[in-house]
Amino acid sequence: MKQNELSIEIDRPAAEVFEFAINPQNTHKWIDSIIMEETNTWPVKLGTLYRNRRVVPGKPDFSELNEYEMVKFEPHKLFEIKKKNNPCHVRYTFTPLGENRTKLTFLVWMDDNSDLSGPFAQAHLDKLKSVIENGYAPDKTQPQRLMVELTRFKMKRGKSEKVQELVKHIRESVPRQKEAFKAEKMFVESIFYEKRGEDEYLYWYNIQGEGASHLLQSQDPDDKKYIELCNECFDKEAPDSRVDMKLEMSMIRDELREVMKDL
């Protein structure tokens, strides 16, 4: 079995390091290639899916989507995720070294003995240690990294009224969501509706900055209602329940990029 193991000691309690590392809102703070990460449940538990977007080297605005499932979960001790449709496993183990010091061990391996692609770097753990111990400050000198995406979601059949209620809720909550847009680093969000025979679809087109807030962690009543309606409408069991379109080209004026960098 081919594997890569790294470790680092962090001057914080194991529970604090665990909670920071498992939170998808923090991933971009210590893994530079990741623009955004989200989960399908919060709090995280066994079976939770992590989805992240990782920038493609040398291609501004281009990113690849990765999905992992939580396959082992022991709060404040360890968690293990497995990449979807891939033999790659990643395990984080948190070992207390006294009350305020933790040894974090990172282990990645392939089930089928295939080569590890893009091995995890010690620099990532070094940055994690620095951020947890000293706090995180974004580098304003770097250009804003953007996530440009178009995603199609299939709706459940027989839920047309609920779909329209969802769209109405989104439309009516926009005036109240200005602060939420800032937290989500959202620059453009457009929603399209399509009816094809008996099937209905909603499309989301977004231009979003890195480090967006996590909607599932929001306590805002509008967000909670939005999540409730999505769960009622989205056909998560369908083979084409969610389709992320492949980005082939993106053009954004330099003047707009400069404005986005400071938002």
Protein backbone atom coordinates (compact mmCIF):
# COMPACT_ATOMS: atom_id res chain seq x y z
CA MET A 1 0.00 0.00 0.00
CA LYS A 2 1.46 3.34 -1.05
CA GLN A 3 1.09 6.00 1.59
CA ASN A 4 2.37 9.32 2.83
CA GLU A 5 2.53 10.18 6.54
CA LEU A 6 3.31 13.58 8.06
CA SER A 7 2.94 15.05 11.53
CA ILE A 8 3.27 18.31 13.44
CA GLU A 9 2.90 19.50 17.04
CA ILE A 10 0.55 22.41 17.71
CA ASP A 11 0.35 24.46 20.89
CA ARG A 12 -3.38 24.12 21.36
CA PRO A 13 -5.66 21.49 23.00
CA ALA A 14 -6.60 18.50 20.82
CA ALA A 15 -10.32 19.43 20.84
CA GLU A 16 -9.55 22.92 19.51
CA VAL A 17 -7.26 21.63 16.74
CA PHE A 18 -9.84 18.97 15.78
CA GLU A 19 -12.71 21.49 15.59
CA PHE A 20 -10.65 23.86 13.47
CA ALA A 21 -9.45 21.19 11.03
CA ILE A 22 -12.88 19.63 10.52
CA ASN A 23 -14.66 22.92 9.81
CA PRO A 24 -14.99 23.47 6.02
CA GLN A 25 -14.91 27.25 6.50
CA ASN A 26 -11.28 26.96 7.60
CA THR A 27 -9.80 24.72 4.90
CA HIS A 28 -8.81 27.53 2.52
CA LYS A 29 -6.90 29.18 5.37
CA TRP A 30 -4.26 26.44 5.47
CA ILE A 31 -4.51 24.64 2.10
CA ASP A 32 -3.78 27.35 -0.45
CA SER A 33 -5.11 25.50 -3.49
CA ILE A 34 -8.65 25.19 -2.07
CA ILE A 35 -11.03 28.04 -2.84
CA MET A 36 -14.12 26.69 -1.10
CA GLU A 37 -15.26 23.69 0.88
CA GLU A 38 -18.73 22.72 2.07
CA THR A 39 -20.48 19.77 3.69
CA ASN A 40 -23.96 18.37 3.16
CA THR A 41 -24.60 18.15 6.93
CA TRP A 42 -23.67 20.24 9.94
CA PRO A 43 -22.48 19.35 12.48
CA VAL A 44 -20.25 16.82 10.73
CA LYS A 45 -20.93 13.14 11.39
CA LEU A 46 -20.23 9.69 9.94
CA GLY A 47 -21.38 9.71 6.31
CA THR A 48 -21.06 13.49 5.86
CA LEU A 49 -19.94 14.51 2.36
CA TYR A 50 -17.26 17.15 1.89
CA ARG A 51 -17.16 18.97 -1.44
CA ASN A 52 -14.32 21.32 -2.27
CA ARG A 53 -13.09 23.31 -5.23
CA ARG A 54 -9.37 23.28 -5.88
CA VAL A 55 -7.74 25.77 -8.25
CA VAL A 56 -6.14 24.40 -11.40
CA PRO A 57 -2.47 25.53 -11.48
CA GLY A 58 -1.81 28.17 -14.13
CA LYS A 59 -5.50 28.64 -15.02
CA PRO A 60 -7.12 31.61 -13.25
CA ASP A 61 -10.80 31.01 -12.35
CA PHE A 62 -10.58 27.32 -13.31
CA SER A 63 -11.15 24.82 -10.54
CA GLU A 64 -11.86 21.13 -10.10
CA LEU A 65 -14.51 19.66 -7.85
CA ASN A 66 -13.63 16.92 -5.36
CA GLU A 67 -15.96 15.00 -3.06
CA TYR A 68 -15.07 12.98 0.03
CA GLU A 69 -17.16 10.91 2.44
CA MET A 70 -16.55 10.76 6.18
CA VAL A 71 -15.88 7.05 6.80
CA LYS A 72 -14.44 7.22 10.34
CA PHE A 73 -15.30 9.79 12.96
CA GLU A 74 -14.22 9.95 16.60
CA PRO A 75 -14.77 13.47 17.98
CA HIS A 76 -11.55 15.19 19.07
CA LYS A 77 -9.54 12.04 18.27
CA LEU A 78 -9.58 11.25 14.54
CA PHE A 79 -11.50 11.50 11.31
CA GLU A 80 -11.02 9.75 7.99
CA ILE A 81 -12.42 10.72 4.60
CA LYS A 82 -12.45 8.76 1.35
CA LYS A 83 -12.52 10.36 -2.07
CA LYS A 84 -15.64 9.58 -4.10
CA ASN A 85 -15.09 7.06 -6.92
CA ASN A 86 -11.42 6.95 -6.01
CA PRO A 87 -9.25 4.65 -3.82
CA CYS A 88 -7.75 7.60 -1.91
CA HIS A 89 -8.13 7.73 1.89
CA VAL A 90 -7.08 10.61 4.17
CA ARG A 91 -6.89 10.26 7.95
CA TYR A 92 -6.19 12.91 10.59
CA THR A 93 -5.29 11.74 14.10
CA PHE A 94 -5.17 14.12 17.09
CA THR A 95 -3.00 12.98 20.02
CA PRO A 96 -2.93 15.12 23.20
CA LEU A 97 0.55 15.98 24.51
CA GLY A 98 -0.55 17.45 27.81
CA GLU A 99 -3.43 19.92 28.19
CA ASN A 100 -2.40 22.52 25.63
CA ARG A 101 -0.33 20.68 23.02
CA THR A 102 -1.43 18.30 20.26
CA LYS A 103 0.34 16.02 17.82
CA LEU A 104 -1.54 16.02 14.52
CA THR A 105 -0.74 13.08 12.24
CA PHE A 106 -1.78 13.16 8.58
CA LEU A 107 -1.93 9.90 6.62
CA VAL A 108 -2.97 9.45 2.99
CA TRP A 109 -3.03 6.14 1.11
CA MET A 110 -4.49 4.37 -1.91
CA ASP A 111 -6.54 1.19 -1.54
CA ASP A 112 -5.38 -0.25 -4.85
CA ASN A 113 -1.65 0.53 -4.51
CA SER A 114 -1.84 3.11 -7.29
CA ASP A 115 0.38 6.18 -7.25
CA LEU A 116 -0.43 9.09 -4.98
CA SER A 117 -1.20 12.18 -7.04
CA GLY A 118 -0.16 15.53 -5.65
CA PRO A 119 1.13 14.35 -2.24
CA PHE A 120 0.12 16.45 0.74
CA ALA A 121 2.93 18.84 1.67
CA GLN A 122 4.44 19.48 5.09
CA ALA A 123 3.93 23.16 4.26
CA HIS A 124 0.17 22.65 4.68
CA LEU A 125 0.61 21.38 8.23
CA ASP A 126 3.08 24.16 8.97
CA LYS A 127 0.51 26.71 7.85
CA LEU A 128 -2.24 25.00 9.87
CA LYS A 129 -0.03 25.30 12.98
CA SER A 130 0.65 28.97 12.26
CA VAL A 131 -3.02 29.84 11.66
CA ILE A 132 -4.28 28.05 14.79
CA GLU A 133 -1.57 29.48 17.04
CA ASN A 134 -1.36 33.00 15.60
CA GLY A 135 -4.67 33.63 13.82
CA TYR A 136 -5.50 34.01 10.14
CA ALA A 137 -4.99 37.15 8.09
CA PRO A 138 -5.76 37.02 4.34
CA ASP A 139 -3.01 38.21 2.01
CA LYS A 140 -4.48 41.31 0.36
CA THR A 141 -1.49 41.59 -2.00
CA GLN A 142 -2.53 38.45 -3.85
CA PRO A 143 -5.17 38.59 -6.62
CA GLN A 144 -8.66 37.49 -5.70
CA ARG A 145 -9.22 33.83 -6.58
CA LEU A 146 -12.69 33.32 -7.94
CA MET A 147 -15.01 30.36 -8.21
CA VAL A 148 -17.02 30.60 -11.43
CA GLU A 149 -19.59 27.83 -11.60
CA LEU A 150 -22.83 26.75 -13.22
CA THR A 151 -24.68 23.94 -11.47
CA ARG A 152 -27.93 22.20 -12.38
CA PHE A 153 -30.17 20.64 -9.72
CA LYS A 154 -33.03 18.28 -10.52
CA MET A 155 -36.28 18.81 -8.62
CA LYS A 156 -38.55 16.06 -7.31
CA ARG A 157 -41.54 15.28 -9.49
CA GLY A 158 -44.84 16.54 -8.14
CA LYS A 159 -43.16 19.36 -6.22
CA SER A 160 -43.85 22.22 -8.66
CA GLU A 161 -45.61 24.33 -6.04
CA LYS A 162 -42.74 23.87 -3.59
CA VAL A 163 -40.23 24.73 -6.31
CA GLN A 164 -42.04 27.97 -6.98
CA GLU A 165 -42.20 28.63 -3.24
CA LEU A 166 -38.43 28.13 -3.08
CA VAL A 167 -37.85 30.57 -5.95
CA LYS A 168 -40.25 33.08 -4.37
CA HIS A 169 -38.47 32.77 -1.02
CA ILE A 170 -35.09 33.42 -2.63
CA ARG A 171 -36.40 36.40 -4.58
CA GLU A 172 -38.11 37.98 -1.55
CA SER A 173 -35.13 37.46 0.77
CA VAL A 174 -32.64 39.20 -1.54
CA PRO A 175 -33.14 42.70 0.00
CA ARG A 176 -32.41 41.23 3.44
CA GLN A 177 -29.39 39.23 2.29
CA LYS A 178 -26.90 42.02 1.57
CA GLU A 179 -24.77 41.21 4.60
CA ALA A 180 -25.02 37.49 3.86
CA PHE A 181 -23.70 38.15 0.36
CA LYS A 182 -20.62 39.71 1.91
CA ALA A 183 -20.06 36.74 4.21
CA GLU A 184 -20.53 34.36 1.27
CA LYS A 185 -18.04 36.38 -0.84
CA MET A 186 -20.75 36.32 -3.51
CA PHE A 187 -20.29 38.74 -6.41
CA VAL A 188 -22.84 37.33 -8.86
CA GLU A 189 -25.65 34.84 -8.21
CA SER A 190 -28.29 34.09 -10.83
CA ILE A 191 -30.90 31.34 -10.75
CA PHE A 192 -32.55 29.89 -13.86
CA TYR A 193 -35.59 27.62 -14.13
CA GLU A 194 -36.15 24.93 -16.76
CA LYS A 195 -39.08 22.54 -17.32
CA ARG A 196 -38.38 19.58 -19.58
CA GLY A 197 -41.41 17.27 -19.92
CA GLU A 198 -42.32 16.21 -16.39
CA ASP A 199 -38.92 17.19 -15.02
CA GLU A 200 -38.00 20.53 -13.49
CA TYR A 201 -34.52 21.93 -12.95
CA LEU A 202 -32.97 24.93 -11.25
CA TYR A 203 -29.61 26.28 -12.39
CA TRP A 204 -27.27 28.34 -10.20
CA TYR A 205 -24.69 30.57 -11.88
CA ASN A 206 -22.21 32.05 -9.37
CA ILE A 207 -19.07 34.11 -9.26
CA GLN A 208 -17.78 33.79 -5.74
CA GLY A 209 -14.58 34.60 -3.87
CA GLU A 210 -12.58 32.16 -1.79
CA GLY A 211 -13.35 31.48 1.85
CA ALA A 212 -17.13 31.73 1.66
CA SER A 213 -19.18 31.26 4.81
CA HIS A 214 -20.97 27.95 5.28
CA LEU A 215 -24.74 28.19 4.74
CA LEU A 216 -25.52 25.17 6.94
CA GLN A 217 -23.86 26.91 9.87
CA SER A 218 -26.01 30.02 9.51
CA GLN A 219 -28.55 30.81 12.23
CA ASP A 220 -30.45 33.24 10.01
CA PRO A 221 -34.18 32.29 9.71
CA ASP A 222 -34.16 32.99 5.95
CA ASP A 223 -31.23 30.61 5.47
CA LYS A 224 -32.88 27.91 7.54
CA LYS A 225 -36.10 28.25 5.51
CA TYR A 226 -34.06 28.11 2.30
CA ILE A 227 -32.35 24.87 3.38
CA GLU A 228 -35.70 23.38 4.41
CA LEU A 229 -37.25 24.14 1.00
CA CYS A 230 -34.18 22.83 -0.84
CA ASN A 231 -34.43 19.54 1.06
CA GLU A 232 -38.10 19.30 0.07
CA CYS A 233 -37.49 20.09 -3.62
CA PHE A 234 -34.12 18.63 -4.63
CA ASP A 235 -34.24 15.07 -5.97
CA LYS A 236 -31.07 13.82 -4.30
CA GLU A 237 -31.74 10.21 -5.30
CA ALA A 238 -31.75 10.88 -9.06
CA PRO A 239 -28.60 9.96 -11.05
CA ASP A 240 -28.50 13.52 -12.40
CA SER A 241 -29.50 15.17 -9.11
CA ARG A 242 -26.59 17.62 -9.35
CA VAL A 243 -24.52 18.38 -12.42
CA ASP A 244 -21.56 20.78 -12.22
CA MET A 245 -20.87 22.16 -15.68
CA LYS A 246 -17.26 22.21 -16.84
CA LEU A 247 -15.87 25.72 -17.19
CA GLU A 248 -14.21 26.24 -20.58
CA MET A 249 -13.68 30.00 -20.55
CA SER A 250 -14.16 32.91 -18.16
CA MET A 251 -13.61 36.60 -18.93
CA ILE A 252 -13.74 39.18 -16.14
CA ARG A 253 -12.42 42.70 -16.63
CA ASP A 254 -9.30 43.58 -14.65
CA GLU A 255 -11.05 46.61 -13.17
CA LEU A 256 -13.71 44.33 -11.66
CA ARG A 257 -11.09 41.97 -10.28
CA GLU A 258 -9.47 44.90 -8.47
CA VAL A 259 -12.78 45.86 -6.90
CA MET A 260 -13.49 42.25 -5.89
CA LYS A 261 -10.10 41.93 -4.23
CA ASP A 262 -11.09 44.47 -1.57
CA LEU A 263 -14.59 43.14 -0.87
